[in-house]
Amino acid sequence: MNQFIFDIAVMLDNTQWSTLLHESYYMYNWVESTHVLTLVLCLGMLFLIDLRMLGYAFPGVPASSIADRLNMPMLIGFIVMFITGILLFYAVPVRTSQSVWFRFKMVLLVAAAVNAFMFHKRMNESVSTWDNDAKAPSAVRMGAILSLTFWSIIVIFGRFIAYDWFDCEYTDAGSLSQLLSGCINGQAQF
């Protein structure tokens, strides 16, 4: 599996657009800044919705009203954040794909997506019975707690991608950290 991921990353790295993006004097910085700013927009709205479900923010405002008003800016922020995240990966695919933090982040993003789907399903099925209550039912509150947890860890792991503490050169061959970091035959591949 590591070899497959590495081969795809090398293929992407060898494209002209990847090189131009990474070596651009301004563009990479603009993409990264846009990624961070839209992350703040998206997660700011998401956290307000989650905190409302937990009863900590705007307990007197109907939950459906908070969700309806914040869903569109959250979705716009998410779309731009997603596109810029792909561009950041595309700019440095080999190093990024071999980062243990990137791999953990991808797993957590899938978990966050499943949680978001379940959260919206549970909320939409039952919102008419508790919309004006200070706290949502326990299943919805659990989804909000998971959302806050997943996204907080995703942001931390995203920041850790810049630091390669589990570099292939410094870990024992065959160790778990080498496997998770994408080391191939005990050698650094970038």
N, C-alpha and C. Protein backbone atom coordinates (compact mmCIF):
# COMPACT_ATOMS: atom_id res chain seq x y z
N MET A 1 0.83 -1.20 0.00
CA MET A 1 0.00 0.00 0.00
C MET A 1 0.87 1.26 0.00
N ASN A 2 1.93 1.24 0.85
CA ASN A 2 2.82 2.39 0.88
C ASN A 2 3.45 2.66 -0.47
N GLN A 3 3.83 1.59 -1.18
CA GLN A 3 4.44 1.76 -2.50
C GLN A 3 3.45 2.40 -3.48
N PHE A 4 2.18 1.98 -3.42
CA PHE A 4 1.15 2.55 -4.29
C PHE A 4 0.97 4.05 -4.01
N ILE A 5 0.85 4.40 -2.73
CA ILE A 5 0.70 5.81 -2.35
C ILE A 5 1.92 6.60 -2.80
N PHE A 6 3.11 6.03 -2.60
CA PHE A 6 4.34 6.70 -3.01
C PHE A 6 4.37 6.91 -4.53
N ASP A 7 3.99 5.91 -5.30
CA ASP A 7 4.01 6.03 -6.75
C ASP A 7 3.05 7.12 -7.25
N ILE A 8 1.87 7.18 -6.66
CA ILE A 8 0.91 8.23 -7.03
C ILE A 8 1.48 9.60 -6.68
N ALA A 9 2.09 9.71 -5.50
CA ALA A 9 2.66 10.99 -5.06
C ALA A 9 3.80 11.42 -5.99
N VAL A 10 4.64 10.49 -6.39
CA VAL A 10 5.73 10.81 -7.32
C VAL A 10 5.18 11.27 -8.66
N MET A 11 4.13 10.59 -9.13
CA MET A 11 3.51 10.97 -10.39
C MET A 11 2.98 12.42 -10.32
N LEU A 12 2.31 12.74 -9.21
CA LEU A 12 1.81 14.10 -9.04
C LEU A 12 2.96 15.11 -8.92
N ASP A 13 4.00 14.72 -8.20
CA ASP A 13 5.14 15.60 -7.98
C ASP A 13 5.87 15.92 -9.28
N ASN A 14 5.81 15.03 -10.23
CA ASN A 14 6.51 15.22 -11.50
C ASN A 14 5.74 16.07 -12.49
N THR A 15 4.56 16.54 -12.12
CA THR A 15 3.80 17.40 -13.03
C THR A 15 4.30 18.84 -12.93
N GLN A 16 4.16 19.54 -14.02
CA GLN A 16 4.63 20.93 -14.08
C GLN A 16 3.85 21.82 -13.11
N TRP A 17 2.54 21.58 -12.97
CA TRP A 17 1.71 22.43 -12.12
C TRP A 17 2.08 22.27 -10.64
N SER A 18 2.42 21.06 -10.24
CA SER A 18 2.85 20.84 -8.86
C SER A 18 4.12 21.63 -8.56
N THR A 19 5.07 21.55 -9.48
CA THR A 19 6.33 22.28 -9.30
C THR A 19 6.08 23.78 -9.29
N LEU A 20 5.26 24.27 -10.21
CA LEU A 20 4.97 25.71 -10.26
C LEU A 20 4.30 26.20 -8.98
N LEU A 21 3.37 25.41 -8.48
CA LEU A 21 2.67 25.80 -7.26
C LEU A 21 3.62 25.83 -6.07
N HIS A 22 4.43 24.81 -5.93
CA HIS A 22 5.35 24.73 -4.79
C HIS A 22 6.44 25.80 -4.85
N GLU A 23 6.94 26.07 -6.04
CA GLU A 23 8.06 27.00 -6.17
C GLU A 23 7.63 28.43 -6.43
N SER A 24 6.34 28.67 -6.52
CA SER A 24 5.84 30.02 -6.74
C SER A 24 6.17 30.90 -5.54
N TYR A 25 6.57 32.11 -5.84
CA TYR A 25 6.94 33.03 -4.77
C TYR A 25 5.73 33.42 -3.92
N TYR A 26 4.58 33.57 -4.55
CA TYR A 26 3.39 34.02 -3.83
C TYR A 26 2.27 32.98 -3.75
N MET A 27 2.07 32.19 -4.80
CA MET A 27 0.87 31.37 -4.90
C MET A 27 0.74 30.36 -3.76
N TYR A 28 1.79 29.65 -3.43
CA TYR A 28 1.69 28.67 -2.35
C TYR A 28 1.27 29.35 -1.05
N ASN A 29 1.83 30.52 -0.77
CA ASN A 29 1.47 31.25 0.45
C ASN A 29 0.02 31.70 0.42
N TRP A 30 -0.47 32.11 -0.76
CA TRP A 30 -1.87 32.50 -0.87
C TRP A 30 -2.79 31.31 -0.65
N VAL A 31 -2.42 30.18 -1.23
CA VAL A 31 -3.25 28.98 -1.06
C VAL A 31 -3.27 28.57 0.41
N GLU A 32 -2.12 28.56 1.05
CA GLU A 32 -2.05 28.17 2.46
C GLU A 32 -2.82 29.15 3.35
N SER A 33 -2.69 30.44 3.08
CA SER A 33 -3.42 31.44 3.87
C SER A 33 -4.92 31.31 3.67
N THR A 34 -5.34 31.08 2.44
CA THR A 34 -6.76 30.89 2.16
C THR A 34 -7.28 29.64 2.86
N HIS A 35 -6.48 28.59 2.88
CA HIS A 35 -6.86 27.36 3.56
C HIS A 35 -7.11 27.63 5.05
N VAL A 36 -6.21 28.36 5.67
CA VAL A 36 -6.34 28.65 7.10
C VAL A 36 -7.54 29.57 7.37
N LEU A 37 -7.72 30.59 6.56
CA LEU A 37 -8.83 31.53 6.77
C LEU A 37 -10.19 30.84 6.58
N THR A 38 -10.31 30.00 5.57
CA THR A 38 -11.59 29.32 5.37
C THR A 38 -11.78 28.21 6.40
N LEU A 39 -10.70 27.68 6.93
CA LEU A 39 -10.78 26.74 8.05
C LEU A 39 -11.41 27.45 9.25
N VAL A 40 -10.98 28.66 9.50
CA VAL A 40 -11.53 29.44 10.61
C VAL A 40 -13.01 29.72 10.37
N LEU A 41 -13.37 30.08 9.15
CA LEU A 41 -14.77 30.35 8.83
C LEU A 41 -15.62 29.09 9.02
N CYS A 42 -15.19 28.01 8.42
CA CYS A 42 -15.95 26.76 8.48
C CYS A 42 -16.08 26.24 9.91
N LEU A 43 -14.95 26.15 10.59
CA LEU A 43 -14.98 25.59 11.95
C LEU A 43 -15.61 26.55 12.95
N GLY A 44 -15.51 27.85 12.70
CA GLY A 44 -16.20 28.80 13.57
C GLY A 44 -17.70 28.58 13.55
N MET A 45 -18.25 28.42 12.35
CA MET A 45 -19.69 28.17 12.22
C MET A 45 -20.06 26.80 12.79
N LEU A 46 -19.23 25.79 12.48
CA LEU A 46 -19.49 24.44 12.98
C LEU A 46 -19.47 24.39 14.50
N PHE A 47 -18.48 25.03 15.09
CA PHE A 47 -18.38 25.02 16.54
C PHE A 47 -19.55 25.74 17.20
N LEU A 48 -20.05 26.82 16.58
CA LEU A 48 -21.23 27.49 17.14
C LEU A 48 -22.44 26.56 17.11
N ILE A 49 -22.61 25.85 16.00
CA ILE A 49 -23.73 24.90 15.91
C ILE A 49 -23.57 23.81 16.97
N ASP A 50 -22.37 23.25 17.07
CA ASP A 50 -22.13 22.19 18.05
C ASP A 50 -22.34 22.70 19.48
N LEU A 51 -21.84 23.88 19.78
CA LEU A 51 -22.01 24.44 21.13
C LEU A 51 -23.47 24.74 21.42
N ARG A 52 -24.25 25.11 20.40
CA ARG A 52 -25.69 25.30 20.60
C ARG A 52 -26.36 23.98 20.95
N MET A 53 -25.95 22.92 20.29
CA MET A 53 -26.54 21.60 20.57
C MET A 53 -26.21 21.14 21.99
N LEU A 54 -25.05 21.54 22.48
CA LEU A 54 -24.64 21.18 23.83
C LEU A 54 -25.25 22.10 24.89
N GLY A 55 -25.88 23.20 24.46
CA GLY A 55 -26.51 24.13 25.38
C GLY A 55 -25.60 25.22 25.90
N TYR A 56 -24.41 25.38 25.31
CA TYR A 56 -23.45 26.38 25.78
C TYR A 56 -23.51 27.69 25.02
N ALA A 57 -24.06 27.70 23.82
CA ALA A 57 -24.14 28.93 23.03
C ALA A 57 -25.58 29.15 22.58
N PHE A 58 -26.08 30.35 22.78
CA PHE A 58 -27.41 30.74 22.33
C PHE A 58 -28.51 29.76 22.74
N PRO A 59 -28.61 29.41 24.02
CA PRO A 59 -29.63 28.41 24.41
C PRO A 59 -31.06 28.89 24.20
N GLY A 60 -31.26 30.20 24.09
CA GLY A 60 -32.61 30.72 23.89
C GLY A 60 -33.03 30.80 22.43
N VAL A 61 -32.13 30.52 21.53
CA VAL A 61 -32.43 30.58 20.09
C VAL A 61 -32.71 29.16 19.60
N PRO A 62 -33.76 28.99 18.81
CA PRO A 62 -34.06 27.63 18.30
C PRO A 62 -32.85 27.05 17.55
N ALA A 63 -32.59 25.77 17.80
CA ALA A 63 -31.44 25.10 17.18
C ALA A 63 -31.54 25.10 15.67
N SER A 64 -32.73 24.91 15.14
CA SER A 64 -32.89 24.88 13.68
C SER A 64 -32.56 26.24 13.07
N SER A 65 -32.89 27.31 13.78
CA SER A 65 -32.59 28.65 13.29
C SER A 65 -31.09 28.89 13.22
N ILE A 66 -30.35 28.48 14.27
CA ILE A 66 -28.89 28.61 14.28
C ILE A 66 -28.29 27.80 13.13
N ALA A 67 -28.73 26.55 12.99
CA ALA A 67 -28.19 25.68 11.94
C ALA A 67 -28.50 26.23 10.56
N ASP A 68 -29.73 26.70 10.34
CA ASP A 68 -30.11 27.23 9.02
C ASP A 68 -29.29 28.46 8.64
N ARG A 69 -29.04 29.33 9.60
CA ARG A 69 -28.29 30.57 9.30
C ARG A 69 -26.80 30.33 9.11
N LEU A 70 -26.25 29.33 9.79
CA LEU A 70 -24.80 29.12 9.73
C LEU A 70 -24.38 28.06 8.72
N ASN A 71 -25.31 27.26 8.23
CA ASN A 71 -24.95 26.19 7.30
C ASN A 71 -24.33 26.71 6.01
N MET A 72 -24.87 27.79 5.42
CA MET A 72 -24.35 28.27 4.14
C MET A 72 -22.92 28.83 4.27
N PRO A 73 -22.62 29.73 5.22
CA PRO A 73 -21.23 30.16 5.33
C PRO A 73 -20.29 29.02 5.70
N MET A 74 -20.78 28.06 6.50
CA MET A 74 -19.96 26.91 6.85
C MET A 74 -19.67 26.08 5.60
N LEU A 75 -20.66 25.86 4.77
CA LEU A 75 -20.49 25.08 3.55
C LEU A 75 -19.54 25.78 2.57
N ILE A 76 -19.69 27.07 2.41
CA ILE A 76 -18.78 27.83 1.53
C ILE A 76 -17.35 27.72 2.04
N GLY A 77 -17.17 27.93 3.34
CA GLY A 77 -15.84 27.79 3.93
C GLY A 77 -15.28 26.40 3.74
N PHE A 78 -16.12 25.38 3.90
CA PHE A 78 -15.66 24.00 3.75
C PHE A 78 -15.22 23.73 2.31
N ILE A 79 -15.99 24.18 1.34
CA ILE A 79 -15.65 23.93 -0.07
C ILE A 79 -14.31 24.56 -0.43
N VAL A 80 -14.13 25.82 -0.04
CA VAL A 80 -12.85 26.49 -0.34
C VAL A 80 -11.72 25.84 0.44
N MET A 81 -11.97 25.48 1.69
CA MET A 81 -10.96 24.80 2.51
C MET A 81 -10.58 23.46 1.88
N PHE A 82 -11.53 22.73 1.37
CA PHE A 82 -11.28 21.43 0.74
C PHE A 82 -10.44 21.60 -0.52
N ILE A 83 -10.80 22.56 -1.36
CA ILE A 83 -10.05 22.80 -2.61
C ILE A 83 -8.63 23.23 -2.30
N THR A 84 -8.45 24.15 -1.36
CA THR A 84 -7.10 24.60 -1.04
C THR A 84 -6.30 23.51 -0.35
N GLY A 85 -6.96 22.65 0.39
CA GLY A 85 -6.26 21.51 1.00
C GLY A 85 -5.73 20.56 -0.07
N ILE A 86 -6.53 20.31 -1.10
CA ILE A 86 -6.06 19.47 -2.21
C ILE A 86 -4.88 20.14 -2.91
N LEU A 87 -4.95 21.44 -3.09
CA LEU A 87 -3.83 22.16 -3.72
C LEU A 87 -2.56 22.11 -2.88
N LEU A 88 -2.71 22.19 -1.56
CA LEU A 88 -1.54 22.09 -0.68
C LEU A 88 -0.90 20.71 -0.79
N PHE A 89 -1.73 19.68 -0.86
CA PHE A 89 -1.20 18.33 -1.06
C PHE A 89 -0.53 18.22 -2.42
N TYR A 90 -1.16 18.76 -3.44
CA TYR A 90 -0.64 18.69 -4.80
C TYR A 90 0.70 19.42 -4.94
N ALA A 91 0.91 20.44 -4.16
CA ALA A 91 2.16 21.19 -4.23
C ALA A 91 3.34 20.39 -3.70
N VAL A 92 3.12 19.56 -2.68
CA VAL A 92 4.20 18.78 -2.06
C VAL A 92 3.68 17.36 -1.79
N PRO A 93 3.37 16.60 -2.83
CA PRO A 93 2.69 15.32 -2.60
C PRO A 93 3.54 14.23 -1.96
N VAL A 94 4.82 14.14 -2.30
CA VAL A 94 5.63 13.03 -1.78
C VAL A 94 5.84 13.21 -0.29
N ARG A 95 6.31 14.35 0.12
CA ARG A 95 6.56 14.59 1.55
C ARG A 95 5.26 14.49 2.35
N THR A 96 4.20 15.07 1.83
CA THR A 96 2.94 15.07 2.55
C THR A 96 2.38 13.65 2.70
N SER A 97 2.42 12.88 1.63
CA SER A 97 1.85 11.53 1.68
C SER A 97 2.62 10.61 2.61
N GLN A 98 3.87 10.93 2.90
CA GLN A 98 4.66 10.10 3.80
C GLN A 98 4.62 10.58 5.25
N SER A 99 3.83 11.59 5.50
CA SER A 99 3.71 12.11 6.87
C SER A 99 2.69 11.29 7.66
N VAL A 100 3.10 10.82 8.82
CA VAL A 100 2.19 10.09 9.69
C VAL A 100 1.03 10.98 10.11
N TRP A 101 1.27 12.27 10.27
CA TRP A 101 0.22 13.21 10.67
C TRP A 101 -0.82 13.36 9.56
N PHE A 102 -0.36 13.40 8.32
CA PHE A 102 -1.28 13.49 7.19
C PHE A 102 -2.17 12.25 7.13
N ARG A 103 -1.58 11.10 7.35
CA ARG A 103 -2.36 9.86 7.30
C ARG A 103 -3.39 9.80 8.43
N PHE A 104 -3.01 10.20 9.63
CA PHE A 104 -3.98 10.25 10.73
C PHE A 104 -5.07 11.27 10.43
N LYS A 105 -4.67 12.40 9.86
CA LYS A 105 -5.63 13.45 9.53
C LYS A 105 -6.67 12.93 8.53
N MET A 106 -6.22 12.18 7.53
CA MET A 106 -7.15 11.64 6.53
C MET A 106 -8.15 10.67 7.16
N VAL A 107 -7.69 9.84 8.07
CA VAL A 107 -8.59 8.90 8.76
C VAL A 107 -9.61 9.69 9.59
N LEU A 108 -9.15 10.71 10.28
CA LEU A 108 -10.07 11.53 11.08
C LEU A 108 -11.05 12.32 10.22
N LEU A 109 -10.62 12.74 9.02
CA LEU A 109 -11.54 13.43 8.12
C LEU A 109 -12.68 12.51 7.69
N VAL A 110 -12.37 11.25 7.44
CA VAL A 110 -13.42 10.29 7.10
C VAL A 110 -14.35 10.10 8.30
N ALA A 111 -13.78 9.97 9.49
CA ALA A 111 -14.60 9.82 10.70
C ALA A 111 -15.48 11.05 10.92
N ALA A 112 -14.93 12.24 10.67
CA ALA A 112 -15.69 13.48 10.83
C ALA A 112 -16.83 13.55 9.81
N ALA A 113 -16.58 13.07 8.59
CA ALA A 113 -17.63 13.07 7.56
C ALA A 113 -18.76 12.12 7.93
N VAL A 114 -18.43 10.94 8.42
CA VAL A 114 -19.46 9.99 8.85
C VAL A 114 -20.25 10.58 10.02
N ASN A 115 -19.55 11.18 10.97
CA ASN A 115 -20.20 11.80 12.11
C ASN A 115 -21.13 12.94 11.66
N ALA A 116 -20.68 13.76 10.70
CA ALA A 116 -21.52 14.87 10.22
C ALA A 116 -22.79 14.35 9.56
N PHE A 117 -22.66 13.28 8.77
CA PHE A 117 -23.83 12.68 8.14
C PHE A 117 -24.82 12.19 9.19
N MET A 118 -24.31 11.46 10.18
CA MET A 118 -25.18 10.93 11.23
C MET A 118 -25.77 12.06 12.09
N PHE A 119 -24.98 13.08 12.36
CA PHE A 119 -25.42 14.22 13.16
C PHE A 119 -26.62 14.90 12.47
N HIS A 120 -26.47 15.20 11.18
CA HIS A 120 -27.56 15.88 10.46
C HIS A 120 -28.79 14.98 10.34
N LYS A 121 -28.57 13.71 10.16
CA LYS A 121 -29.70 12.78 10.08
C LYS A 121 -30.47 12.77 11.40
N ARG A 122 -29.75 12.61 12.51
CA ARG A 122 -30.41 12.58 13.83
C ARG A 122 -31.09 13.92 14.14
N MET A 123 -30.40 15.00 13.80
CA MET A 123 -30.96 16.32 14.10
C MET A 123 -32.24 16.56 13.30
N ASN A 124 -32.21 16.29 12.01
CA ASN A 124 -33.38 16.54 11.16
C ASN A 124 -34.55 15.64 11.51
N GLU A 125 -34.28 14.42 11.98
CA GLU A 125 -35.36 13.51 12.35
C GLU A 125 -36.07 13.94 13.62
N SER A 126 -35.35 14.61 14.52
CA SER A 126 -35.95 14.87 15.84
C SER A 126 -36.04 16.35 16.22
N VAL A 127 -35.62 17.25 15.36
CA VAL A 127 -35.53 18.66 15.77
C VAL A 127 -36.89 19.25 16.16
N SER A 128 -37.96 18.77 15.60
CA SER A 128 -39.28 19.33 15.93
C SER A 128 -39.66 19.09 17.39
N THR A 129 -39.10 18.09 18.03
CA THR A 129 -39.46 17.79 19.41
C THR A 129 -38.61 18.54 20.44
N TRP A 130 -37.46 19.09 20.06
CA TRP A 130 -36.59 19.74 21.04
C TRP A 130 -36.01 21.06 20.56
N ASP A 131 -36.48 21.60 19.47
CA ASP A 131 -35.88 22.78 18.83
C ASP A 131 -35.68 23.94 19.79
N ASN A 132 -36.59 24.16 20.70
CA ASN A 132 -36.48 25.30 21.62
C ASN A 132 -35.86 24.93 22.96
N ASP A 133 -35.53 23.67 23.17
CA ASP A 133 -34.87 23.26 24.41
C ASP A 133 -33.43 23.79 24.43
N ALA A 134 -32.92 23.99 25.64
CA ALA A 134 -31.55 24.50 25.77
C ALA A 134 -30.53 23.51 25.26
N LYS A 135 -30.79 22.22 25.46
CA LYS A 135 -29.87 21.17 25.01
C LYS A 135 -30.58 20.22 24.07
N ALA A 136 -29.82 19.69 23.14
CA ALA A 136 -30.35 18.69 22.21
C ALA A 136 -30.41 17.34 22.92
N PRO A 137 -31.09 16.37 22.34
CA PRO A 137 -31.09 15.01 22.92
C PRO A 137 -29.67 14.43 22.95
N SER A 138 -29.49 13.41 23.76
CA SER A 138 -28.15 12.88 24.00
C SER A 138 -27.45 12.39 22.73
N ALA A 139 -28.17 11.79 21.79
CA ALA A 139 -27.53 11.31 20.55
C ALA A 139 -26.97 12.47 19.74
N VAL A 140 -27.72 13.57 19.68
CA VAL A 140 -27.25 14.75 18.95
C VAL A 140 -26.09 15.40 19.69
N ARG A 141 -26.19 15.47 21.01
CA ARG A 141 -25.08 16.03 21.81
C ARG A 141 -23.81 15.21 21.63
N MET A 142 -23.92 13.89 21.57
CA MET A 142 -22.75 13.04 21.35
C MET A 142 -22.11 13.33 19.99
N GLY A 143 -22.95 13.53 18.98
CA GLY A 143 -22.44 13.90 17.66
C GLY A 143 -21.71 15.24 17.70
N ALA A 144 -22.23 16.19 18.49
CA ALA A 144 -21.58 17.50 18.62
C ALA A 144 -20.24 17.36 19.33
N ILE A 145 -20.18 16.54 20.36
CA ILE A 145 -18.91 16.32 21.08
C ILE A 145 -17.89 15.66 20.16
N LEU A 146 -18.32 14.65 19.41
CA LEU A 146 -17.42 14.00 18.46
C LEU A 146 -16.94 14.97 17.40
N SER A 147 -17.83 15.81 16.92
CA SER A 147 -17.46 16.81 15.92
C SER A 147 -16.39 17.76 16.46
N LEU A 148 -16.62 18.29 17.64
CA LEU A 148 -15.64 19.19 18.26
C LEU A 148 -14.29 18.49 18.45
N THR A 149 -14.34 17.25 18.89
CA THR A 149 -13.10 16.47 19.13
C THR A 149 -12.38 16.18 17.83
N PHE A 150 -13.09 15.62 16.85
CA PHE A 150 -12.45 15.27 15.57
C PHE A 150 -11.81 16.48 14.93
N TRP A 151 -12.55 17.58 14.83
CA TRP A 151 -12.03 18.75 14.13
C TRP A 151 -10.89 19.41 14.88
N SER A 152 -10.92 19.39 16.20
CA SER A 152 -9.79 19.93 16.95
C SER A 152 -8.52 19.13 16.68
N ILE A 153 -8.64 17.81 16.67
CA ILE A 153 -7.48 16.95 16.40
C ILE A 153 -7.04 17.08 14.95
N ILE A 154 -7.98 17.20 14.02
CA ILE A 154 -7.63 17.38 12.61
C ILE A 154 -6.80 18.64 12.42
N VAL A 155 -7.18 19.72 13.08
CA VAL A 155 -6.41 20.97 12.97
C VAL A 155 -5.01 20.79 13.55
N ILE A 156 -4.91 20.13 14.68
CA ILE A 156 -3.59 19.90 15.30
C ILE A 156 -2.72 19.03 14.39
N PHE A 157 -3.28 17.94 13.88
CA PHE A 157 -2.51 17.07 12.99
C PHE A 157 -2.14 17.79 11.70
N GLY A 158 -3.03 18.64 11.20
CA GLY A 158 -2.71 19.43 10.01
C GLY A 158 -1.51 20.33 10.24
N ARG A 159 -1.44 20.88 11.42
CA ARG A 159 -0.29 21.73 11.74
C ARG A 159 0.98 20.90 11.89
N PHE A 160 0.85 19.69 12.42
CA PHE A 160 2.01 18.81 12.60
C PHE A 160 2.59 18.31 11.28
N ILE A 161 1.84 18.36 10.19
CA ILE A 161 2.34 17.88 8.90
C ILE A 161 3.63 18.58 8.52
N ALA A 162 3.78 19.82 8.92
CA ALA A 162 5.00 20.57 8.59
C ALA A 162 6.23 20.04 9.32
N TYR A 163 6.02 19.24 10.36
CA TYR A 163 7.14 18.74 11.16
C TYR A 163 7.18 17.22 11.04
N ASP A 164 8.31 16.69 10.62
CA ASP A 164 8.41 15.26 10.36
C ASP A 164 9.18 14.58 11.49
N TRP A 165 8.53 14.32 12.61
CA TRP A 165 9.17 13.71 13.76
C TRP A 165 9.41 12.22 13.56
N PHE A 166 8.68 11.62 12.61
CA PHE A 166 8.82 10.20 12.36
C PHE A 166 9.49 9.98 11.00
N ASP A 167 10.57 10.67 10.76
CA ASP A 167 11.29 10.58 9.49
C ASP A 167 11.86 9.17 9.32
N CYS A 168 11.84 8.69 8.11
CA CYS A 168 12.31 7.33 7.82
C CYS A 168 13.77 7.13 8.21
N GLU A 169 14.57 8.16 8.12
CA GLU A 169 15.99 8.04 8.44
C GLU A 169 16.24 7.82 9.92
N TYR A 170 15.31 8.22 10.76
CA TYR A 170 15.54 8.20 12.21
C TYR A 170 14.74 7.15 12.95
N THR A 171 14.02 6.31 12.24
CA THR A 171 13.23 5.28 12.90
C THR A 171 13.77 3.91 12.51
N ASP A 172 13.55 2.94 13.36
CA ASP A 172 14.01 1.58 13.10
C ASP A 172 13.24 0.97 11.94
N ALA A 173 13.96 0.22 11.10
CA ALA A 173 13.33 -0.45 9.96
C ALA A 173 12.26 -1.41 10.48
N GLY A 174 11.10 -1.39 9.85
CA GLY A 174 10.02 -2.29 10.23
C GLY A 174 9.21 -1.81 11.42
N SER A 175 9.53 -0.68 12.00
CA SER A 175 8.78 -0.20 13.16
C SER A 175 7.42 0.34 12.72
N LEU A 176 6.53 0.45 13.66
CA LEU A 176 5.19 0.95 13.38
C LEU A 176 5.25 2.37 12.82
N SER A 177 6.13 3.21 13.37
CA SER A 177 6.21 4.59 12.89
C SER A 177 6.70 4.64 11.44
N GLN A 178 7.57 3.69 11.03
CA GLN A 178 7.98 3.64 9.63
C GLN A 178 6.81 3.23 8.75
N LEU A 179 6.04 2.27 9.19
CA LEU A 179 4.88 1.83 8.42
C LEU A 179 3.88 2.97 8.26
N LEU A 180 3.57 3.64 9.36
CA LEU A 180 2.60 4.73 9.33
C LEU A 180 3.11 5.93 8.54
N SER A 181 4.44 6.14 8.55
CA SER A 181 5.00 7.28 7.84
C SER A 181 5.16 7.03 6.37
N GLY A 182 4.94 5.82 5.91
CA GLY A 182 5.04 5.54 4.50
C GLY A 182 6.45 5.24 4.05
N CYS A 183 7.33 4.83 4.97
CA CYS A 183 8.69 4.47 4.61
C CYS A 183 8.66 3.22 3.76
N ILE A 184 9.48 3.23 2.71
CA ILE A 184 9.54 2.09 1.82
C ILE A 184 10.94 1.51 1.91
N ASN A 185 11.02 0.25 2.34
CA ASN A 185 12.30 -0.44 2.51
C ASN A 185 13.24 0.30 3.47
N GLY A 186 12.66 0.95 4.47
CA GLY A 186 13.46 1.61 5.49
C GLY A 186 14.17 2.86 5.03
N GLN A 187 13.79 3.38 3.87
CA GLN A 187 14.47 4.55 3.33
C GLN A 187 13.50 5.71 3.19
N ALA A 188 14.01 6.90 3.39
CA ALA A 188 13.24 8.08 3.11
C ALA A 188 13.09 8.19 1.60
N GLN A 189 11.93 8.55 1.14
CA GLN A 189 11.68 8.55 -0.29
C GLN A 189 11.49 9.96 -0.86
N PHE A 190 11.93 10.96 -0.15
CA PHE A 190 11.78 12.31 -0.71
C PHE A 190 13.00 13.12 -0.51
